[in-house]
PDB file of N, CA and C in Angstrom:
ATOM      1  N   MET A   1       9.924  -1.943   0.338  1.00  0.00           N
ATOM      2  CA  MET A   1      10.179  -0.594  -0.188  1.00  0.00           C
ATOM      3  C   MET A   1       9.728   0.068   1.442  1.00  0.00           C
ATOM      4  N   ASP A   2      11.160   0.480   2.179  1.00  0.00           N
ATOM      5  CA  ASP A   2      10.951   0.925   3.866  1.00  0.00           C
ATOM      6  C   ASP A   2      11.035   2.282   3.632  1.00  0.00           C
ATOM      7  N   ARG A   3      10.167   3.342   4.140  1.00  0.00           N
ATOM      8  CA  ARG A   3      10.632   4.714   4.073  1.00  0.00           C
ATOM      9  C   ARG A   3      10.404   5.136   5.819  1.00  0.00           C
ATOM     10  N   GLY A   4      10.309   4.002   6.315  1.00  0.00           N
ATOM     11  CA  GLY A   4      10.012   4.449   7.768  1.00  0.00           C
ATOM     12  C   GLY A   4       8.534   4.703   8.021  1.00  0.00           C
ATOM     13  N   TRP A   5       7.552   4.818   7.378  1.00  0.00           N
ATOM     14  CA  TRP A   5       6.102   4.677   7.319  1.00  0.00           C
ATOM     15  C   TRP A   5       5.692   3.905   8.441  1.00  0.00           C
ATOM     16  N   ASN A   6       4.853   3.842   9.124  1.00  0.00           N
ATOM     17  CA  ASN A   6       3.834   2.846  10.089  1.00  0.00           C
ATOM     18  C   ASN A   6       2.631   3.027   9.066  1.00  0.00           C
ATOM     19  N   GLN A   7       1.627   1.840   9.845  1.00  0.00           N
ATOM     20  CA  GLN A   7       0.552   1.403   9.063  1.00  0.00           C
ATOM     21  C   GLN A   7      -0.710   2.854   9.662  1.00  0.00           C
ATOM     22  N   PRO A   8      -0.819   3.413  10.554  1.00  0.00           N
ATOM     23  CA  PRO A   8      -1.560   4.115  10.811  1.00  0.00           C
ATOM     24  C   PRO A   8      -1.408   5.814   9.642  1.00  0.00           C
ATOM     25  N   TYR A   9       0.034   5.924   9.449  1.00  0.00           N
ATOM     26  CA  TYR A   9       0.472   6.843   8.858  1.00  0.00           C
ATOM     27  C   TYR A   9       0.033   6.647   7.030  1.00  0.00           C
ATOM     28  N   LEU A  10       0.346   5.309   6.697  1.00  0.00           N
ATOM     29  CA  LEU A  10       0.206   5.217   5.269  1.00  0.00           C
ATOM     30  C   LEU A  10      -1.624   5.140   5.086  1.00  0.00           C
ATOM     31  N   ALA A  11      -1.942   4.341   6.261  1.00  0.00           N
ATOM     32  CA  ALA A  11      -3.426   4.592   6.196  1.00  0.00           C
ATOM     33  C   ALA A  11      -4.430   6.214   6.186  1.00  0.00           C
ATOM     34  N   GLU A  12      -3.759   6.916   6.755  1.00  0.00           N
ATOM     35  CA  GLU A  12      -4.431   8.202   6.939  1.00  0.00           C
ATOM     36  C   GLU A  12      -3.898   8.661   5.367  1.00  0.00           C
ATOM     37  N   LEU A  13      -2.605   8.726   4.742  1.00  0.00           N
ATOM     38  CA  LEU A  13      -2.226   9.032   3.491  1.00  0.00           C
ATOM     39  C   LEU A  13      -2.996   8.348   2.329  1.00  0.00           C
ATOM     40  N   SER A  14      -3.288   6.793   2.413  1.00  0.00           N
ATOM     41  CA  SER A  14      -4.240   6.656   1.285  1.00  0.00           C
ATOM     42  C   SER A  14      -5.790   6.632   1.536  1.00  0.00           C
ATOM     43  N   GLY A  15      -6.262   6.629   2.771  1.00  0.00           N
ATOM     44  CA  GLY A  15      -7.489   6.698   2.760  1.00  0.00           C
ATOM     45  C   GLY A  15      -8.133   5.102   2.937  1.00  0.00           C
ATOM     46  N   LEU A  16      -7.253   4.042   2.827  1.00  0.00           N
ATOM     47  CA  LEU A  16      -7.337   2.615   3.341  1.00  0.00           C
ATOM     48  C   LEU A  16      -7.305   2.430   4.917  1.00  0.00           C
ATOM     49  N   GLY A  17      -8.027   1.647   5.320  1.00  0.00           N
ATOM     50  CA  GLY A  17      -7.947   1.051   6.628  1.00  0.00           C
ATOM     51  C   GLY A  17      -6.742   0.810   7.122  1.00  0.00           C
ATOM     52  N   ARG A  18      -6.288   0.699   8.445  1.00  0.00           N
ATOM     53  CA  ARG A  18      -5.558   0.209   8.938  1.00  0.00           C
ATOM     54  C   ARG A  18      -5.317  -1.338   9.249  1.00  0.00           C
ATOM     55  N   ILE A  19      -6.213  -1.691   9.405  1.00  0.00           N
ATOM     56  CA  ILE A  19      -6.057  -3.111   9.599  1.00  0.00           C
ATOM     57  C   ILE A  19      -6.097  -3.654   8.100  1.00  0.00           C
ATOM     58  N   TYR A  20      -6.718  -3.272   7.196  1.00  0.00           N
ATOM     59  CA  TYR A  20      -6.657  -3.805   5.746  1.00  0.00           C
ATOM     60  C   TYR A  20      -5.573  -3.709   5.418  1.00  0.00           C
ATOM     61  N   ILE A  21      -4.455  -2.466   5.979  1.00  0.00           N
ATOM     62  CA  ILE A  21      -3.545  -2.651   5.364  1.00  0.00           C
ATOM     63  C   ILE A  21      -2.349  -3.241   5.537  1.00  0.00           C
ATOM     64  N   SER A  22      -2.784  -3.986   7.054  1.00  0.00           N
ATOM     65  CA  SER A  22      -1.870  -4.910   8.062  1.00  0.00           C
ATOM     66  C   SER A  22      -2.146  -6.083   7.392  1.00  0.00           C
ATOM     67  N   GLN A  23      -3.267  -6.303   7.106  1.00  0.00           N
ATOM     68  CA  GLN A  23      -3.756  -7.535   6.319  1.00  0.00           C
ATOM     69  C   GLN A  23      -3.070  -7.761   4.466  1.00  0.00           C
ATOM     70  N   LEU A  24      -2.808  -6.746   4.152  1.00  0.00           N
ATOM     71  CA  LEU A  24      -2.293  -6.907   2.835  1.00  0.00           C
ATOM     72  C   LEU A  24      -0.839  -7.217   3.274  1.00  0.00           C
ATOM     73  N   GLU A  25      -0.038  -6.561   4.017  1.00  0.00           N
ATOM     74  CA  GLU A  25       1.295  -6.650   4.612  1.00  0.00           C
ATOM     75  C   GLU A  25       1.426  -8.197   5.079  1.00  0.00           C
ATOM     76  N   ASN A  26       0.758  -8.197   5.356  1.00  0.00           N
ATOM     77  CA  ASN A  26       0.584 -10.285   6.378  1.00  0.00           C
ATOM     78  C   ASN A  26       0.263 -11.144   5.139  1.00  0.00           C
ATOM     79  N   GLY A  27      -0.169 -10.924   4.226  1.00  0.00           N
ATOM     80  CA  GLY A  27      -0.192 -11.541   3.293  1.00  0.00           C
ATOM     81  C   GLY A  27      -1.863 -12.647   3.183  1.00  0.00           C
ATOM     82  N   ARG A  28      -2.776 -11.795   4.181  1.00  0.00           N
ATOM     83  CA  ARG A  28      -4.098 -12.035   4.632  1.00  0.00           C
ATOM     84  C   ARG A  28      -5.313 -11.740   3.698  1.00  0.00           C
ATOM     85  N   LYS A  29      -4.883 -10.474   3.310  1.00  0.00           N
ATOM     86  CA  LYS A  29      -5.712 -10.345   1.751  1.00  0.00           C
ATOM     87  C   LYS A  29      -4.779  -9.967   0.714  1.00  0.00           C
ATOM     88  N   ARG A  30      -5.434 -10.008  -0.764  1.00  0.00           N
ATOM     89  CA  ARG A  30      -4.962  -9.538  -1.921  1.00  0.00           C
ATOM     90  C   ARG A  30      -5.682  -8.383  -2.331  1.00  0.00           C
ATOM     91  N   ALA A  31      -4.723  -7.446  -2.834  1.00  0.00           N
ATOM     92  CA  ALA A  31      -5.224  -6.194  -2.956  1.00  0.00           C
ATOM     93  C   ALA A  31      -5.611  -6.262  -4.883  1.00  0.00           C
ATOM     94  N   SER A  32      -6.434  -5.328  -4.671  1.00  0.00           N
ATOM     95  CA  SER A  32      -7.525  -5.055  -6.166  1.00  0.00           C
ATOM     96  C   SER A  32      -6.206  -4.267  -7.055  1.00  0.00           C
ATOM     97  N   ILE A  33      -6.644  -4.375  -8.157  1.00  0.00           N
ATOM     98  CA  ILE A  33      -5.760  -2.927  -8.815  1.00  0.00           C
ATOM     99  C   ILE A  33      -5.819  -1.614  -8.236  1.00  0.00           C
ATOM    100  N   GLN A  34      -6.849  -1.402  -8.088  1.00  0.00           N
ATOM    101  CA  GLN A  34      -7.742  -0.148  -7.265  1.00  0.00           C
ATOM    102  C   GLN A  34      -6.559   0.526  -6.229  1.00  0.00           C
ATOM    103  N   THR A  35      -6.456  -0.600  -5.497  1.00  0.00           N
ATOM    104  CA  THR A  35      -5.963  -0.621  -4.284  1.00  0.00           C
ATOM    105  C   THR A  35      -4.264  -0.317  -4.630  1.00  0.00           C
ATOM    106  N   ILE A  36      -3.921  -1.326  -5.581  1.00  0.00           N
ATOM    107  CA  ILE A  36      -2.309  -0.687  -6.058  1.00  0.00           C
ATOM    108  C   ILE A  36      -2.490   0.229  -6.327  1.00  0.00           C
ATOM    109  N   ASP A  37      -3.207   0.733  -6.879  1.00  0.00           N
ATOM    110  CA  ASP A  37      -3.408   2.166  -7.414  1.00  0.00           C
ATOM    111  C   ASP A  37      -3.191   3.270  -6.434  1.00  0.00           C
ATOM    112  N   VAL A  38      -3.977   2.873  -5.574  1.00  0.00           N
ATOM    113  CA  VAL A  38      -3.943   4.170  -4.376  1.00  0.00           C
ATOM    114  C   VAL A  38      -2.675   3.951  -3.729  1.00  0.00           C
ATOM    115  N   LEU A  39      -2.514   2.560  -3.256  1.00  0.00           N
ATOM    116  CA  LEU A  39      -0.639   2.586  -2.718  1.00  0.00           C
ATOM    117  C   LEU A  39       0.199   3.273  -3.205  1.00  0.00           C
ATOM    118  N   ALA A  40       0.399   3.042  -4.732  1.00  0.00           N
ATOM    119  CA  ALA A  40       1.464   3.545  -5.367  1.00  0.00           C
ATOM    120  C   ALA A  40       1.140   4.824  -5.511  1.00  0.00           C
ATOM    121  N   GLN A  41       0.309   5.777  -5.615  1.00  0.00           N
ATOM    122  CA  GLN A  41      -0.033   6.744  -5.563  1.00  0.00           C
ATOM    123  C   GLN A  41       0.432   7.706  -4.013  1.00  0.00           C
ATOM    124  N   SER A  42      -0.123   7.101  -3.100  1.00  0.00           N
ATOM    125  CA  SER A  42       0.676   7.099  -1.814  1.00  0.00           C
ATOM    126  C   SER A  42       1.951   7.356  -1.979  1.00  0.00           C
ATOM    127  N   PHE A  43       2.883   6.729  -2.391  1.00  0.00           N
ATOM    128  CA  PHE A  43       4.402   6.271  -2.324  1.00  0.00           C
ATOM    129  C   PHE A  43       4.912   7.449  -3.531  1.00  0.00           C
ATOM    130  N   LYS A  44       4.013   8.280  -4.417  1.00  0.00           N
ATOM    131  CA  LYS A  44       3.959   8.708  -5.446  1.00  0.00           C
ATOM    132  C   LYS A  44       4.919   8.123  -6.511  1.00  0.00           C
ATOM    133  N   LEU A  45       4.264   7.106  -6.807  1.00  0.00           N
ATOM    134  CA  LEU A  45       5.079   5.988  -7.472  1.00  0.00           C
ATOM    135  C   LEU A  45       3.931   5.664  -8.325  1.00  0.00           C
ATOM    136  N   THR A  46       4.226   5.380  -9.921  1.00  0.00           N
ATOM    137  CA  THR A  46       3.617   4.655 -10.987  1.00  0.00           C
ATOM    138  C   THR A  46       3.181   2.931 -10.441  1.00  0.00           C
ATOM    139  N   ILE A  47       2.362   2.435 -10.858  1.00  0.00           N
ATOM    140  CA  ILE A  47       1.770   1.048 -10.575  1.00  0.00           C
ATOM    141  C   ILE A  47       3.109   0.365 -11.002  1.00  0.00           C
ATOM    142  N   SER A  48       3.775   0.608 -11.866  1.00  0.00           N
ATOM    143  CA  SER A  48       5.003  -0.175 -12.688  1.00  0.00           C
ATOM    144  C   SER A  48       6.183  -0.215 -11.671  1.00  0.00           C
ATOM    145  N   ASP A  49       6.291   1.140 -11.108  1.00  0.00           N
ATOM    146  CA  ASP A  49       7.352   1.132 -10.319  1.00  0.00           C
ATOM    147  C   ASP A  49       6.998   0.845  -9.042  1.00  0.00           C
ATOM    148  N   PHE A  50       5.852   0.842  -8.592  1.00  0.00           N
ATOM    149  CA  PHE A  50       5.477   0.138  -7.431  1.00  0.00           C
ATOM    150  C   PHE A  50       5.699  -1.346  -7.263  1.00  0.00           C
ATOM    151  N   LEU A  51       5.318  -1.765  -8.514  1.00  0.00           N
ATOM    152  CA  LEU A  51       5.185  -3.622  -8.473  1.00  0.00           C
ATOM    153  C   LEU A  51       6.908  -3.954  -8.830  1.00  0.00           C
ATOM    154  N   LYS A  52       7.802  -3.211  -9.042  1.00  0.00           N
ATOM    155  CA  LYS A  52       8.689  -3.719  -9.480  1.00  0.00           C
ATOM    156  C   LYS A  52       9.518  -4.410  -8.564  1.00  0.00           C
ATOM    157  N   GLY A  53       9.816  -5.656  -8.866  1.00  0.00           N
ATOM    158  CA  GLY A  53      10.758  -6.927  -7.965  1.00  0.00           C
ATOM    159  C   GLY A  53       9.594  -7.855  -7.423  1.00  0.00           C
ATOM    160  N   VAL A  54       8.262  -7.684  -7.814  1.00  0.00           N
ATOM    161  CA  VAL A  54       7.651  -8.513  -7.224  1.00  0.00           C
ATOM    162  C   VAL A  54       7.186  -9.655  -7.753  1.00  0.00           C
TER     163      VAL A  54
END
């Protein structure tokens, strides 16, 4: 999903740390269901829609 957002913007929007977002993006961390929910809400999506195609 490409919205043209950078990591600092997503970090600010979601309340998650920029380094943590980078680690998720690069596969060095795994997201909990709570984190997935926070990210889905940041993108204004349901968890189901957020995870489509995964």
